[in-house]
PDB file of all heavy atoms in Angstrom:
ATOM      1  N   ASP A   1      -6.162   2.778  -3.579  1.00  0.00           N
ATOM      2  CA  ASP A   1      -6.717   3.931  -2.884  1.00  0.00           C
ATOM      3  C   ASP A   1      -5.572   4.758  -2.310  1.00  0.00           C
ATOM      4  O   ASP A   1      -4.677   4.222  -1.663  1.00  0.00           O
ATOM      5  CB  ASP A   1      -7.650   3.457  -1.761  1.00  0.00           C
ATOM      6  CG  ASP A   1      -8.475   4.584  -1.182  1.00  0.00           C
ATOM      7  OD1 ASP A   1      -7.885   5.531  -0.624  1.00  0.00           O
ATOM      8  OD2 ASP A   1      -9.715   4.519  -1.277  1.00  0.00           O
ATOM      9  N   GLN A   2      -5.604   6.069  -2.537  1.00  0.00           N
ATOM     10  CA  GLN A   2      -4.488   6.916  -2.117  1.00  0.00           C
ATOM     11  C   GLN A   2      -4.228   6.833  -0.620  1.00  0.00           C
ATOM     12  O   GLN A   2      -3.072   6.849  -0.168  1.00  0.00           O
ATOM     13  CB  GLN A   2      -4.760   8.373  -2.508  1.00  0.00           C
ATOM     14  CG  GLN A   2      -3.555   9.293  -2.389  1.00  0.00           C
ATOM     15  CD  GLN A   2      -2.458   8.952  -3.370  1.00  0.00           C
ATOM     16  OE1 GLN A   2      -2.713   8.653  -4.525  1.00  0.00           O
ATOM     17  NE2 GLN A   2      -1.212   8.988  -2.914  1.00  0.00           N
ATOM     18  N   SER A   3      -5.292   6.694   0.175  1.00  0.00           N
ATOM     19  CA  SER A   3      -5.102   6.598   1.626  1.00  0.00           C
ATOM     20  C   SER A   3      -4.393   5.309   2.006  1.00  0.00           C
ATOM     21  O   SER A   3      -3.663   5.260   2.998  1.00  0.00           O
ATOM     22  CB  SER A   3      -6.446   6.694   2.347  1.00  0.00           C
ATOM     23  OG  SER A   3      -7.286   5.603   2.012  1.00  0.00           O
ATOM     24  N   ASP A   4      -4.591   4.233   1.220  1.00  0.00           N
ATOM     25  CA  ASP A   4      -3.891   2.974   1.485  1.00  0.00           C
ATOM     26  C   ASP A   4      -2.409   3.087   1.165  1.00  0.00           C
ATOM     27  O   ASP A   4      -1.605   2.279   1.634  1.00  0.00           O
ATOM     28  CB  ASP A   4      -4.504   1.840   0.665  1.00  0.00           C
ATOM     29  CG  ASP A   4      -5.822   1.355   1.247  1.00  0.00           C
ATOM     30  OD1 ASP A   4      -6.088   1.665   2.421  1.00  0.00           O
ATOM     31  OD2 ASP A   4      -6.567   0.666   0.530  1.00  0.00           O
ATOM     32  N   LEU A   5      -2.069   4.087   0.372  1.00  0.00           N
ATOM     33  CA  LEU A   5      -0.672   4.288  -0.023  1.00  0.00           C
ATOM     34  C   LEU A   5       0.008   5.333   0.861  1.00  0.00           C
ATOM     35  O   LEU A   5       1.066   5.068   1.437  1.00  0.00           O
ATOM     36  CB  LEU A   5      -0.625   4.717  -1.489  1.00  0.00           C
ATOM     37  CG  LEU A   5       0.707   4.634  -2.226  1.00  0.00           C
ATOM     38  CD1 LEU A   5       1.203   3.197  -2.305  1.00  0.00           C
ATOM     39  CD2 LEU A   5       0.558   5.211  -3.632  1.00  0.00           C
ATOM     40  N   THR A   6      -0.628   6.509   1.008  1.00  0.00           N
ATOM     41  CA  THR A   6       0.048   7.622   1.677  1.00  0.00           C
ATOM     42  C   THR A   6      -0.733   8.207   2.843  1.00  0.00           C
ATOM     43  O   THR A   6      -0.360   9.254   3.369  1.00  0.00           O
ATOM     44  CB  THR A   6       0.342   8.750   0.665  1.00  0.00           C
ATOM     45  OG1 THR A   6      -0.900   9.212   0.093  1.00  0.00           O
ATOM     46  CG2 THR A   6       1.243   8.245  -0.454  1.00  0.00           C
ATOM     47  N   GLY A   7      -1.841   7.559   3.257  1.00  0.00           N
ATOM     48  CA  GLY A   7      -2.591   8.046   4.406  1.00  0.00           C
ATOM     49  C   GLY A   7      -1.906   7.700   5.717  1.00  0.00           C
ATOM     50  O   GLY A   7      -0.795   7.159   5.741  1.00  0.00           O
ATOM     51  N   SER A   8      -2.558   7.992   6.833  1.00  0.00           N
ATOM     52  CA  SER A   8      -1.951   7.750   8.147  1.00  0.00           C
ATOM     53  C   SER A   8      -1.657   6.266   8.367  1.00  0.00           C
ATOM     54  O   SER A   8      -0.728   5.906   9.093  1.00  0.00           O
ATOM     55  CB  SER A   8      -2.870   8.276   9.256  1.00  0.00           C
ATOM     56  OG  SER A   8      -4.149   7.651   9.191  1.00  0.00           O
ATOM     57  N   ASN A   9      -2.453   5.390   7.752  1.00  0.00           N
ATOM     58  CA  ASN A   9      -2.214   3.952   7.819  1.00  0.00           C
ATOM     59  C   ASN A   9      -1.776   3.390   6.463  1.00  0.00           C
ATOM     60  O   ASN A   9      -1.946   2.205   6.188  1.00  0.00           O
ATOM     61  CB  ASN A   9      -3.463   3.223   8.301  1.00  0.00           C
ATOM     62  CG  ASN A   9      -3.760   3.499   9.762  1.00  0.00           C
ATOM     63  OD1 ASN A   9      -2.870   3.426  10.608  1.00  0.00           O
ATOM     64  ND2 ASN A   9      -4.998   3.846  10.059  1.00  0.00           N
ATOM     65  N   GLY A  10      -1.215   4.255   5.631  1.00  0.00           N
ATOM     66  CA  GLY A  10      -0.775   3.827   4.313  1.00  0.00           C
ATOM     67  C   GLY A  10       0.534   3.058   4.367  1.00  0.00           C
ATOM     68  O   GLY A  10       1.365   3.271   5.263  1.00  0.00           O
ATOM     69  N   ILE A  11       0.732   2.165   3.410  1.00  0.00           N
ATOM     70  CA  ILE A  11       1.952   1.349   3.433  1.00  0.00           C
ATOM     71  C   ILE A  11       3.189   2.162   3.080  1.00  0.00           C
ATOM     72  O   ILE A  11       4.293   1.824   3.507  1.00  0.00           O
ATOM     73  CB  ILE A  11       1.815   0.128   2.504  1.00  0.00           C
ATOM     74  CG1 ILE A  11       1.564   0.548   1.052  1.00  0.00           C
ATOM     75  CG2 ILE A  11       0.708  -0.795   2.996  1.00  0.00           C
ATOM     76  CD1 ILE A  11       1.582  -0.614   0.066  1.00  0.00           C
ATOM     77  N   TYR A  12       3.021   3.247   2.305  1.00  0.00           N
ATOM     78  CA  TYR A  12       4.195   4.034   1.923  1.00  0.00           C
ATOM     79  C   TYR A  12       4.622   4.988   3.032  1.00  0.00           C
ATOM     80  O   TYR A  12       5.808   5.300   3.165  1.00  0.00           O
ATOM     81  CB  TYR A  12       3.926   4.816   0.629  1.00  0.00           C
ATOM     82  CG  TYR A  12       5.133   4.870  -0.276  1.00  0.00           C
ATOM     83  CD1 TYR A  12       5.392   3.850  -1.194  1.00  0.00           C
ATOM     84  CD2 TYR A  12       6.034   5.928  -0.206  1.00  0.00           C
ATOM     85  CE1 TYR A  12       6.500   3.889  -2.017  1.00  0.00           C
ATOM     86  CE2 TYR A  12       7.147   5.971  -1.025  1.00  0.00           C
ATOM     87  CZ  TYR A  12       7.376   4.944  -1.927  1.00  0.00           C
ATOM     88  OH  TYR A  12       8.499   4.981  -2.732  1.00  0.00           O
ATOM     89  N   THR A  13       3.682   5.453   3.811  1.00  0.00           N
ATOM     90  CA  THR A  13       4.008   6.350   4.923  1.00  0.00           C
ATOM     91  C   THR A  13       4.344   5.583   6.195  1.00  0.00           C
ATOM     92  O   THR A  13       4.701   6.188   7.206  1.00  0.00           O
ATOM     93  CB  THR A  13       2.851   7.324   5.181  1.00  0.00           C
ATOM     94  OG1 THR A  13       1.611   6.620   5.105  1.00  0.00           O
ATOM     95  CG2 THR A  13       2.849   8.445   4.159  1.00  0.00           C
ATOM     96  N   ASN A  14       4.235   4.260   6.147  1.00  0.00           N
ATOM     97  CA  ASN A  14       4.653   3.385   7.252  1.00  0.00           C
ATOM     98  C   ASN A  14       5.490   2.235   6.687  1.00  0.00           C
ATOM     99  O   ASN A  14       5.153   1.057   6.855  1.00  0.00           O
ATOM    100  CB  ASN A  14       3.422   2.836   7.986  1.00  0.00           C
ATOM    101  CG  ASN A  14       2.596   3.914   8.650  1.00  0.00           C
ATOM    102  OD1 ASN A  14       2.885   4.329   9.774  1.00  0.00           O
ATOM    103  ND2 ASN A  14       1.563   4.386   7.953  1.00  0.00           N
ATOM    104  N   PRO A  15       6.600   2.563   6.016  1.00  0.00           N
ATOM    105  CA  PRO A  15       7.337   1.532   5.274  1.00  0.00           C
ATOM    106  C   PRO A  15       7.986   0.475   6.154  1.00  0.00           C
ATOM    107  O   PRO A  15       8.324  -0.607   5.667  1.00  0.00           O
ATOM    108  CB  PRO A  15       8.394   2.337   4.514  1.00  0.00           C
ATOM    109  CG  PRO A  15       8.608   3.562   5.362  1.00  0.00           C
ATOM    110  CD  PRO A  15       7.250   3.885   5.910  1.00  0.00           C
ATOM    111  N   GLY A  16       8.166   0.757   7.435  1.00  0.00           N
ATOM    112  CA  GLY A  16       8.794  -0.210   8.315  1.00  0.00           C
ATOM    113  C   GLY A  16       7.844  -1.271   8.833  1.00  0.00           C
ATOM    114  O   GLY A  16       8.271  -2.215   9.505  1.00  0.00           O
ATOM    115  N   SER A  17       6.555  -1.144   8.514  1.00  0.00           N
ATOM    116  CA  SER A  17       5.555  -2.090   9.016  1.00  0.00           C
ATOM    117  C   SER A  17       5.487  -3.326   8.119  1.00  0.00           C
ATOM    118  O   SER A  17       5.547  -3.220   6.894  1.00  0.00           O
ATOM    119  CB  SER A  17       4.182  -1.422   9.087  1.00  0.00           C
ATOM    120  OG  SER A  17       4.229  -0.315   9.981  1.00  0.00           O
ATOM    121  N   HIS A  18       5.350  -4.498   8.755  1.00  0.00           N
ATOM    122  CA  HIS A  18       5.431  -5.773   8.052  1.00  0.00           C
ATOM    123  C   HIS A  18       4.136  -6.569   8.190  1.00  0.00           C
ATOM    124  O   HIS A  18       3.306  -6.303   9.052  1.00  0.00           O
ATOM    125  CB  HIS A  18       6.563  -6.631   8.632  1.00  0.00           C
ATOM    126  CG  HIS A  18       7.929  -6.063   8.449  1.00  0.00           C
ATOM    127  ND1 HIS A  18       8.850  -6.597   7.579  1.00  0.00           N
ATOM    128  CD2 HIS A  18       8.541  -4.989   9.027  1.00  0.00           C
ATOM    129  CE1 HIS A  18       9.967  -5.891   7.629  1.00  0.00           C
ATOM    130  NE2 HIS A  18       9.809  -4.916   8.508  1.00  0.00           N
ATOM    131  N   GLY A  19       3.982  -7.578   7.330  1.00  0.00           N
ATOM    132  CA  GLY A  19       2.943  -8.582   7.509  1.00  0.00           C
ATOM    133  C   GLY A  19       1.644  -8.294   6.794  1.00  0.00           C
ATOM    134  O   GLY A  19       1.451  -7.242   6.175  1.00  0.00           O
ATOM    135  N   LYS A  20       0.714  -9.257   6.906  1.00  0.00           N
ATOM    136  CA  LYS A  20      -0.563  -9.172   6.193  1.00  0.00           C
ATOM    137  C   LYS A  20      -1.361  -7.938   6.611  1.00  0.00           C
ATOM    138  O   LYS A  20      -2.138  -7.401   5.810  1.00  0.00           O
ATOM    139  CB  LYS A  20      -1.365 -10.446   6.461  1.00  0.00           C
ATOM    140  CG  LYS A  20      -2.687 -10.542   5.691  1.00  0.00           C
ATOM    141  CD  LYS A  20      -2.460 -10.748   4.211  1.00  0.00           C
ATOM    142  CE  LYS A  20      -3.778 -10.756   3.431  1.00  0.00           C
ATOM    143  NZ  LYS A  20      -4.656 -11.882   3.795  1.00  0.00           N
ATOM    144  N   ALA A  21      -1.186  -7.491   7.861  1.00  0.00           N
ATOM    145  CA  ALA A  21      -1.914  -6.306   8.313  1.00  0.00           C
ATOM    146  C   ALA A  21      -1.530  -5.070   7.518  1.00  0.00           C
ATOM    147  O   ALA A  21      -2.276  -4.092   7.490  1.00  0.00           O
ATOM    148  CB  ALA A  21      -1.660  -6.067   9.802  1.00  0.00           C
ATOM    149  N   TRP A  22      -0.377  -5.125   6.856  1.00  0.00           N
ATOM    150  CA  TRP A  22       0.102  -3.987   6.068  1.00  0.00           C
ATOM    151  C   TRP A  22       0.114  -4.314   4.572  1.00  0.00           C
ATOM    152  O   TRP A  22       0.950  -3.832   3.818  1.00  0.00           O
ATOM    153  CB  TRP A  22       1.466  -3.541   6.571  1.00  0.00           C
ATOM    154  CG  TRP A  22       1.342  -2.929   7.924  1.00  0.00           C
ATOM    155  CD1 TRP A  22       1.471  -3.559   9.120  1.00  0.00           C
ATOM    156  CD2 TRP A  22       0.993  -1.572   8.213  1.00  0.00           C
ATOM    157  NE1 TRP A  22       1.230  -2.681  10.156  1.00  0.00           N
ATOM    158  CE2 TRP A  22       0.938  -1.452   9.626  1.00  0.00           C
ATOM    159  CE3 TRP A  22       0.716  -0.453   7.432  1.00  0.00           C
ATOM    160  CZ2 TRP A  22       0.623  -0.246  10.253  1.00  0.00           C
ATOM    161  CZ3 TRP A  22       0.406   0.747   8.054  1.00  0.00           C
ATOM    162  CH2 TRP A  22       0.359   0.842   9.450  1.00  0.00           C
ATOM    163  N   GLU A  23      -0.857  -5.129   4.186  1.00  0.00           N
ATOM    164  CA  GLU A  23      -1.109  -5.426   2.768  1.00  0.00           C
ATOM    165  C   GLU A  23      -2.388  -4.717   2.353  1.00  0.00           C
ATOM    166  O   GLU A  23      -3.382  -4.739   3.084  1.00  0.00           O
ATOM    167  CB  GLU A  23      -1.234  -6.936   2.577  1.00  0.00           C
ATOM    168  CG  GLU A  23      -1.476  -7.372   1.139  1.00  0.00           C
ATOM    169  CD  GLU A  23      -1.531  -8.898   1.035  1.00  0.00           C
ATOM    170  OE1 GLU A  23      -0.654  -9.564   1.641  1.00  0.00           O
ATOM    171  OE2 GLU A  23      -2.463  -9.416   0.386  1.00  0.00           O
ATOM    172  N   ARG A  24      -2.374  -4.073   1.192  1.00  0.00           N
ATOM    173  CA  ARG A  24      -3.519  -3.297   0.749  1.00  0.00           C
ATOM    174  C   ARG A  24      -3.988  -3.762  -0.637  1.00  0.00           C
ATOM    175  O   ARG A  24      -3.164  -4.125  -1.476  1.00  0.00           O
ATOM    176  CB  ARG A  24      -3.167  -1.803   0.679  1.00  0.00           C
ATOM    177  CG  ARG A  24      -2.721  -1.205   2.014  1.00  0.00           C
ATOM    178  CD  ARG A  24      -3.860  -1.132   3.010  1.00  0.00           C
ATOM    179  NE  ARG A  24      -3.468  -0.502   4.269  1.00  0.00           N
ATOM    180  CZ  ARG A  24      -3.073  -1.154   5.354  1.00  0.00           C
ATOM    181  NH1 ARG A  24      -3.021  -2.482   5.331  1.00  0.00           N
ATOM    182  NH2 ARG A  24      -2.737  -0.511   6.456  1.00  0.00           N
ATOM    183  N   PRO A  25      -5.311  -3.764  -0.885  1.00  0.00           N
ATOM    184  CA  PRO A  25      -5.819  -4.174  -2.198  1.00  0.00           C
ATOM    185  C   PRO A  25      -5.397  -3.181  -3.273  1.00  0.00           C
ATOM    186  O   PRO A  25      -5.402  -1.960  -3.057  1.00  0.00           O
ATOM    187  CB  PRO A  25      -7.341  -4.186  -2.007  1.00  0.00           C
ATOM    188  CG  PRO A  25      -7.586  -3.267  -0.840  1.00  0.00           C
ATOM    189  CD  PRO A  25      -6.390  -3.387   0.057  1.00  0.00           C
ATOM    190  N   ALA A  26      -5.033  -3.703  -4.435  1.00  0.00           N
ATOM    191  CA  ALA A  26      -4.518  -2.853  -5.503  1.00  0.00           C
ATOM    192  C   ALA A  26      -4.776  -3.517  -6.851  1.00  0.00           C
ATOM    193  O   ALA A  26      -5.259  -4.654  -6.946  1.00  0.00           O
ATOM    194  CB  ALA A  26      -3.023  -2.594  -5.312  1.00  0.00           C
ATOM    195  N   SER A  27      -4.439  -2.799  -7.895  1.00  0.00           N
ATOM    196  CA  SER A  27      -4.482  -3.314  -9.266  1.00  0.00           C
ATOM    197  C   SER A  27      -3.071  -3.315  -9.828  1.00  0.00           C
ATOM    198  O   SER A  27      -2.301  -2.372  -9.606  1.00  0.00           O
ATOM    199  CB  SER A  27      -5.390  -2.447 -10.139  1.00  0.00           C
ATOM    200  OG  SER A  27      -5.193  -2.727 -11.522  1.00  0.00           O
ATOM    201  N   PHE A  28      -2.729  -4.372 -10.554  1.00  0.00           N
ATOM    202  CA  PHE A  28      -1.413  -4.542 -11.174  1.00  0.00           C
ATOM    203  C   PHE A  28      -1.615  -4.660 -12.679  1.00  0.00           C
ATOM    204  O   PHE A  28      -2.364  -5.514 -13.146  1.00  0.00           O
ATOM    205  CB  PHE A  28      -0.769  -5.810 -10.613  1.00  0.00           C
ATOM    206  CG  PHE A  28       0.514  -6.240 -11.288  1.00  0.00           C
ATOM    207  CD1 PHE A  28       1.746  -5.794 -10.831  1.00  0.00           C
ATOM    208  CD2 PHE A  28       0.489  -7.126 -12.366  1.00  0.00           C
ATOM    209  CE1 PHE A  28       2.922  -6.217 -11.439  1.00  0.00           C
ATOM    210  CE2 PHE A  28       1.657  -7.558 -12.968  1.00  0.00           C
ATOM    211  CZ  PHE A  28       2.878  -7.099 -12.512  1.00  0.00           C
ATOM    212  N   GLU A  29      -0.958  -3.778 -13.449  1.00  0.00           N
ATOM    213  CA  GLU A  29      -1.031  -3.830 -14.908  1.00  0.00           C
ATOM    214  C   GLU A  29       0.373  -3.829 -15.498  1.00  0.00           C
ATOM    215  O   GLU A  29       1.274  -3.167 -14.976  1.00  0.00           O
ATOM    216  CB  GLU A  29      -1.759  -2.606 -15.480  1.00  0.00           C
ATOM    217  CG  GLU A  29      -3.226  -2.508 -15.179  1.00  0.00           C
ATOM    218  CD  GLU A  29      -3.799  -1.168 -15.633  1.00  0.00           C
ATOM    219  OE1 GLU A  29      -4.223  -1.062 -16.795  1.00  0.00           O
ATOM    220  OE2 GLU A  29      -3.787  -0.220 -14.813  1.00  0.00           O
ATOM    221  N   ILE A  30       0.549  -4.551 -16.595  1.00  0.00           N
ATOM    222  CA  ILE A  30       1.753  -4.457 -17.415  1.00  0.00           C
ATOM    223  C   ILE A  30       1.349  -3.859 -18.755  1.00  0.00           C
ATOM    224  O   ILE A  30       0.403  -4.332 -19.399  1.00  0.00           O
ATOM    225  CB  ILE A  30       2.424  -5.825 -17.620  1.00  0.00           C
ATOM    226  CG1 ILE A  30       3.005  -6.333 -16.298  1.00  0.00           C
ATOM    227  CG2 ILE A  30       3.525  -5.732 -18.675  1.00  0.00           C
ATOM    228  CD1 ILE A  30       3.678  -7.690 -16.403  1.00  0.00           C
ATOM    229  N   LEU A  31       2.063  -2.822 -19.163  1.00  0.00           N
ATOM    230  CA  LEU A  31       1.792  -2.123 -20.426  1.00  0.00           C
ATOM    231  C   LEU A  31       3.080  -2.062 -21.228  1.00  0.00           C
ATOM    232  O   LEU A  31       4.137  -1.704 -20.683  1.00  0.00           O
ATOM    233  CB  LEU A  31       1.287  -0.697 -20.157  1.00  0.00           C
ATOM    234  CG  LEU A  31       0.160  -0.549 -19.131  1.00  0.00           C
ATOM    235  CD1 LEU A  31      -0.037   0.904 -18.760  1.00  0.00           C
ATOM    236  CD2 LEU A  31      -1.125  -1.134 -19.671  1.00  0.00           C
ATOM    237  N   ASP A  32       3.010  -2.390 -22.517  1.00  0.00           N
ATOM    238  CA  ASP A  32       4.207  -2.418 -23.347  1.00  0.00           C
ATOM    239  C   ASP A  32       3.976  -1.603 -24.607  1.00  0.00           C
ATOM    240  O   ASP A  32       3.188  -1.986 -25.477  1.00  0.00           O
ATOM    241  CB  ASP A  32       4.563  -3.861 -23.713  1.00  0.00           C
ATOM    242  CG  ASP A  32       5.883  -3.964 -24.473  1.00  0.00           C
ATOM    243  OD1 ASP A  32       6.569  -2.933 -24.604  1.00  0.00           O
ATOM    244  OD2 ASP A  32       6.220  -5.066 -24.931  1.00  0.00           O
TER     245      ASP A  32
END
């Protein structure tokens, strides 16, 4: 979710924040 990445509580806009509270659900894919 874009807000989980770059919103006010997003992990990318708060890169100094640590721990499980700053973990967000996502999808991981490998494409070759």
